[in-house]
Amino acid sequence: MLHGFTATPTGEEEVTGWSTKMGGTDVAVAYPEGSPTPNGGYGWATGAAKDATTGTDDVADVNNVISQLETQDCVNPSQVLVAGESNGSGLGLITACDHRTAGKVALYALAIPAVDPSVLSKCAGAQPFPLLEIASYLDQTVPYNGGAPPGEPAFSAPLAWFQQLAPSVDGCTGPRSATVPDGTHYFYVHCKEPANFYVANDGHHTWPGGPVGAGGLSPGVFPASDLAWCASGLIGSPPPVTDCASVLATYGYTSVG
């Protein structure tokens, strides 16, 4: 679970609730720590024009975390989920597009993603990868329709870059959309790897549906953790989500077509 800009691993554990959800199971949750930011907390070097650190190869660090989980903590190499929030989602995206991590991850679940054209440029020529992206209509940090205050760099509109990336990297064709509880689902009739986008009606710039919101923001009710776990196809004993079939059917998640 990759934290956002100026956040901490401990704070990310609190806002996502992953550790509580996995309590009593054989699922391990790792919370890597980025580099210090000038405003406190930590961040990741994604290449974004704002809300990112510089000077480190954080994809290599994520790759090392995955390797350590497999070699030291007995994690099954086919059972790895990478999730990110904001700046952490930007790192998740460039990790997904990097040749060093190709084929190592069952799903990249990227929420309220802080992505701009510089980040997206790192996905040129990437191999297909499984992507779940979740945005929020009420996000003021990464606005759903893009844009930024005068004089500031803008993040890319979340749906716009998803609809650019899914066809070019995952070979997706036949775009569709449907209303789901708490939001809207955008998907495709066919993809080489699953590519699903959701926008939550409520919640702000924090992990959707988490137990608490970062900085006092409302997380809303969209069940990002349950959906990400179920979409990944990972196996936990006992299962941390008891009825994944219902979750996937309710939210219309589409796998490879």
Protein backbone atom coordinates (compact mmCIF):
# COMPACT_ATOMS: atom_id res chain seq x y z
CA MET A 1 0.00 0.00 0.00
CA LEU A 2 1.72 3.16 -1.28
CA HIS A 3 0.99 6.31 0.70
CA GLY A 4 0.24 9.75 -0.71
CA PHE A 5 2.38 12.91 -0.73
CA THR A 6 3.28 14.21 2.77
CA ALA A 7 1.67 11.08 4.26
CA THR A 8 3.28 8.33 6.35
CA PRO A 9 3.03 4.54 6.40
CA THR A 10 1.27 4.70 9.78
CA GLY A 11 -1.19 7.27 8.52
CA GLU A 12 -1.87 5.20 5.40
CA GLU A 13 -2.56 2.17 7.53
CA GLU A 14 -5.16 4.22 9.43
CA VAL A 15 -6.98 5.75 6.45
CA THR A 16 -7.13 2.56 4.35
CA GLY A 17 -7.97 0.08 7.10
CA TRP A 18 -6.11 -2.69 5.26
CA SER A 19 -4.45 -4.10 8.40
CA THR A 20 -7.76 -4.29 10.26
CA LYS A 21 -9.44 -5.96 7.29
CA MET A 22 -6.66 -8.55 7.06
CA GLY A 23 -6.58 -9.24 10.79
CA GLY A 24 -6.83 -12.96 11.54
CA THR A 25 -5.95 -13.95 7.97
CA ASP A 26 -2.72 -15.15 6.38
CA VAL A 27 -2.50 -11.97 4.27
CA ALA A 28 0.52 -9.68 4.79
CA VAL A 29 0.18 -5.93 4.24
CA ALA A 30 3.30 -3.83 3.60
CA TYR A 31 3.42 -0.04 3.89
CA PRO A 32 6.66 1.23 2.30
CA GLU A 33 8.00 4.69 3.18
CA GLY A 34 9.00 7.22 0.54
CA SER A 35 11.48 10.09 0.79
CA PRO A 36 10.96 13.08 3.14
CA THR A 37 9.13 16.08 1.66
CA PRO A 38 9.79 19.75 2.54
CA ASN A 39 6.35 19.92 4.15
CA GLY A 40 6.71 16.86 6.33
CA GLY A 41 5.75 13.26 5.72
CA TYR A 42 7.00 11.34 2.73
CA GLY A 43 6.53 11.15 -1.03
CA TRP A 44 7.49 9.28 -4.17
CA ALA A 45 9.53 10.27 -7.22
CA THR A 46 6.94 9.78 -9.95
CA GLY A 47 8.06 12.54 -12.30
CA ALA A 48 4.92 14.59 -11.67
CA ALA A 49 5.34 18.37 -11.83
CA LYS A 50 3.93 18.81 -8.32
CA ASP A 51 3.29 16.75 -5.18
CA ALA A 52 6.20 14.39 -5.88
CA THR A 53 9.75 13.97 -4.64
CA THR A 54 12.81 13.63 -6.86
CA GLY A 55 16.17 11.88 -7.01
CA THR A 56 15.25 8.29 -6.15
CA ASP A 57 14.33 5.17 -8.10
CA ASP A 58 11.16 4.27 -6.22
CA VAL A 59 10.08 1.65 -8.75
CA ALA A 60 13.22 -0.27 -7.79
CA ASP A 61 12.22 0.12 -4.13
CA VAL A 62 8.74 -1.31 -4.78
CA ASN A 63 10.31 -4.17 -6.70
CA ASN A 64 12.59 -4.83 -3.74
CA VAL A 65 9.64 -4.84 -1.34
CA ILE A 66 7.86 -7.41 -3.51
CA SER A 67 11.00 -9.57 -3.62
CA GLN A 68 11.45 -9.38 0.15
CA LEU A 69 7.82 -10.31 0.78
CA GLU A 70 8.29 -13.37 -1.41
CA THR A 71 11.70 -14.48 -0.13
CA GLN A 72 11.49 -13.50 3.55
CA ASP A 73 7.77 -13.56 4.35
CA CYS A 74 6.63 -16.57 2.31
CA VAL A 75 4.29 -14.56 0.07
CA ASN A 76 3.18 -16.50 -3.01
CA PRO A 77 4.63 -14.71 -6.09
CA SER A 78 1.26 -15.02 -7.84
CA GLN A 79 -0.53 -13.36 -4.94
CA VAL A 80 0.65 -9.73 -4.99
CA LEU A 81 -1.59 -6.66 -5.07
CA VAL A 82 -0.12 -3.15 -5.37
CA ALA A 83 -2.43 -0.37 -4.20
CA GLY A 84 -1.72 3.35 -4.12
CA GLU A 85 -3.28 6.61 -3.04
CA SER A 86 -2.65 9.96 -4.79
CA ASN A 87 1.14 10.31 -5.26
CA GLY A 88 1.33 6.62 -4.34
CA SER A 89 -1.02 5.86 -7.23
CA GLY A 90 1.35 7.70 -9.53
CA LEU A 91 4.13 5.41 -8.32
CA GLY A 92 1.84 2.43 -8.75
CA LEU A 93 1.23 3.41 -12.36
CA ILE A 94 4.88 3.81 -13.33
CA THR A 95 5.63 0.55 -11.50
CA ALA A 96 2.98 -1.16 -13.59
CA CYS A 97 4.57 0.23 -16.76
CA ASP A 98 8.16 -0.67 -15.83
CA HIS A 99 9.80 -3.75 -17.35
CA ARG A 100 11.34 -4.70 -13.99
CA THR A 101 7.94 -5.43 -12.46
CA ALA A 102 6.13 -6.71 -15.56
CA GLY A 103 4.05 -9.78 -14.77
CA LYS A 104 4.76 -9.70 -11.03
CA VAL A 105 1.50 -8.16 -9.78
CA ALA A 106 -2.06 -9.54 -9.92
CA LEU A 107 -3.65 -6.07 -9.88
CA TYR A 108 -2.73 -2.41 -9.58
CA ALA A 109 -5.46 -0.63 -7.60
CA LEU A 110 -4.91 3.13 -7.93
CA ALA A 111 -7.16 5.54 -6.01
CA ILE A 112 -7.42 9.34 -6.40
CA PRO A 113 -4.37 9.16 -8.70
CA ALA A 114 -1.97 12.13 -8.90
CA VAL A 115 -0.94 11.58 -12.52
CA ASP A 116 0.12 14.11 -15.14
CA PRO A 117 1.55 13.86 -18.68
CA SER A 118 5.09 13.34 -17.35
CA VAL A 119 3.93 10.32 -15.37
CA LEU A 120 1.94 8.96 -18.30
CA SER A 121 4.94 9.30 -20.62
CA LYS A 122 6.64 6.51 -18.66
CA CYS A 123 3.99 4.08 -19.90
CA ALA A 124 4.98 4.37 -23.55
CA GLY A 125 5.68 0.87 -24.83
CA ALA A 126 4.56 -0.81 -21.59
CA GLN A 127 3.37 -4.40 -21.50
CA PRO A 128 -0.33 -4.93 -20.72
CA PHE A 129 -1.13 -4.94 -16.99
CA PRO A 130 -4.30 -5.29 -14.86
CA LEU A 131 -5.59 -1.87 -13.76
CA LEU A 132 -8.31 -0.76 -11.36
CA GLU A 133 -8.59 3.04 -11.07
CA ILE A 134 -10.89 4.83 -8.62
CA ALA A 135 -11.49 8.59 -8.65
CA SER A 136 -13.94 10.90 -6.86
CA TYR A 137 -16.26 13.57 -8.21
CA LEU A 138 -15.57 15.68 -5.10
CA ASP A 139 -11.77 15.52 -5.21
CA GLN A 140 -10.34 19.04 -5.05
CA THR A 141 -6.67 18.00 -5.19
CA VAL A 142 -6.92 15.91 -8.36
CA PRO A 143 -10.09 17.36 -9.91
CA TYR A 144 -12.20 14.84 -11.81
CA ASN A 145 -12.35 17.10 -14.86
CA GLY A 146 -8.72 18.20 -14.60
CA GLY A 147 -7.54 21.76 -14.21
CA ALA A 148 -5.57 23.62 -11.55
CA PRO A 149 -5.37 27.07 -9.95
CA PRO A 150 -3.74 29.72 -12.18
CA GLY A 151 0.03 29.31 -12.37
CA GLU A 152 0.06 25.75 -11.00
CA PRO A 153 0.73 22.53 -12.96
CA ALA A 154 -2.40 20.48 -13.52
CA PHE A 155 -2.95 16.79 -12.91
CA SER A 156 -4.52 14.84 -15.77
CA ALA A 157 -8.26 14.21 -15.49
CA PRO A 158 -8.52 10.63 -14.13
CA LEU A 159 -11.04 9.26 -16.64
CA ALA A 160 -9.30 10.96 -19.57
CA TRP A 161 -5.94 9.31 -18.93
CA PHE A 162 -7.60 5.95 -18.19
CA GLN A 163 -9.36 6.10 -21.56
CA GLN A 164 -6.03 6.96 -23.18
CA LEU A 165 -4.05 4.23 -21.45
CA ALA A 166 -6.47 1.30 -21.57
CA PRO A 167 -6.63 1.08 -25.38
CA SER A 168 -2.94 1.86 -25.95
CA VAL A 169 -1.45 -0.48 -23.31
CA ASP A 170 -4.15 -3.06 -22.55
CA GLY A 171 -5.56 -3.17 -26.07
CA CYS A 172 -9.06 -2.38 -24.85
CA THR A 173 -11.94 -1.94 -27.31
CA GLY A 174 -15.66 -1.29 -27.01
CA PRO A 175 -16.00 1.34 -24.26
CA ARG A 176 -19.04 1.07 -21.99
CA SER A 177 -20.33 2.69 -18.80
CA ALA A 178 -22.88 1.78 -16.15
CA THR A 179 -24.25 3.20 -12.93
CA VAL A 180 -23.21 1.28 -9.81
CA PRO A 181 -23.91 1.86 -6.13
CA ASP A 182 -22.15 5.07 -5.03
CA GLY A 183 -20.73 5.85 -8.48
CA THR A 184 -20.21 5.10 -12.16
CA HIS A 185 -18.24 2.28 -13.79
CA TYR A 186 -16.32 2.67 -17.07
CA PHE A 187 -15.09 -0.50 -18.77
CA TYR A 188 -14.53 -2.19 -22.13
CA VAL A 189 -15.99 -5.14 -24.01
CA HIS A 190 -12.52 -6.59 -24.59
CA CYS A 191 -9.06 -6.05 -23.04
CA LYS A 192 -5.84 -8.04 -23.00
CA GLU A 193 -5.72 -7.40 -19.23
CA PRO A 194 -8.58 -6.17 -17.00
CA ALA A 195 -9.03 -2.38 -17.09
CA ASN A 196 -11.80 -0.89 -14.95
CA PHE A 197 -12.44 2.70 -13.87
CA TYR A 198 -14.83 3.86 -11.15
CA VAL A 199 -15.73 7.35 -10.03
CA ALA A 200 -17.28 7.62 -6.58
CA ASN A 201 -20.15 10.03 -6.03
CA ASP A 202 -18.94 10.98 -2.56
CA GLY A 203 -15.61 11.09 -0.77
CA HIS A 204 -12.79 13.51 -1.35
CA HIS A 205 -8.99 13.24 -1.73
CA THR A 206 -8.52 10.24 0.54
CA TRP A 207 -8.81 6.44 0.28
CA PRO A 208 -12.44 5.80 -0.80
CA GLY A 209 -14.58 4.14 1.84
CA GLY A 210 -11.78 4.02 4.40
CA PRO A 211 -12.46 4.07 8.15
CA VAL A 212 -11.19 7.67 8.47
CA GLY A 213 -10.33 10.39 5.98
CA ALA A 214 -6.87 11.91 5.55
CA GLY A 215 -6.73 15.39 7.04
CA GLY A 216 -10.34 15.16 8.17
CA LEU A 217 -11.69 14.71 4.64
CA SER A 218 -14.73 12.50 4.14
CA PRO A 219 -13.82 9.10 2.66
CA GLY A 220 -17.39 8.48 1.51
CA VAL A 221 -18.77 4.96 1.25
CA PHE A 222 -17.36 3.56 -2.02
CA PRO A 223 -15.78 0.21 -0.93
CA ALA A 224 -12.35 0.59 -2.53
CA SER A 225 -10.63 -2.02 -0.37
CA ASP A 226 -13.28 -4.71 -0.85
CA LEU A 227 -13.43 -4.10 -4.60
CA ALA A 228 -9.64 -4.09 -4.97
CA TRP A 229 -9.24 -7.30 -3.00
CA CYS A 230 -11.98 -9.10 -4.91
CA ALA A 231 -10.84 -7.81 -8.31
CA SER A 232 -7.29 -9.00 -7.64
CA GLY A 233 -8.36 -12.61 -7.32
CA LEU A 234 -5.99 -13.05 -4.39
CA ILE A 235 -6.68 -15.85 -1.93
CA GLY A 236 -6.68 -15.30 1.83
CA SER A 237 -7.32 -17.83 4.57
CA PRO A 238 -9.82 -17.09 5.95
CA PRO A 239 -11.05 -14.77 3.17
CA PRO A 240 -10.91 -11.12 4.29
CA VAL A 241 -13.95 -10.42 2.08
CA THR A 242 -16.51 -13.17 2.52
CA ASP A 243 -18.58 -12.73 -0.66
CA CYS A 244 -16.40 -11.52 -3.52
CA ALA A 245 -18.83 -12.88 -6.11
CA SER A 246 -21.47 -10.47 -4.83
CA VAL A 247 -19.04 -7.53 -4.70
CA LEU A 248 -17.84 -8.08 -8.26
CA ALA A 249 -21.38 -8.57 -9.59
CA THR A 250 -22.72 -5.51 -7.78
CA TYR A 251 -19.96 -3.28 -9.17
CA GLY A 252 -19.86 -4.89 -12.61
CA TYR A 253 -16.14 -5.59 -12.53
CA THR A 254 -14.97 -7.00 -15.85
CA SER A 255 -12.02 -9.32 -16.30
CA VAL A 256 -10.25 -10.15 -19.56
CA GLY A 257 -12.73 -10.30 -22.42
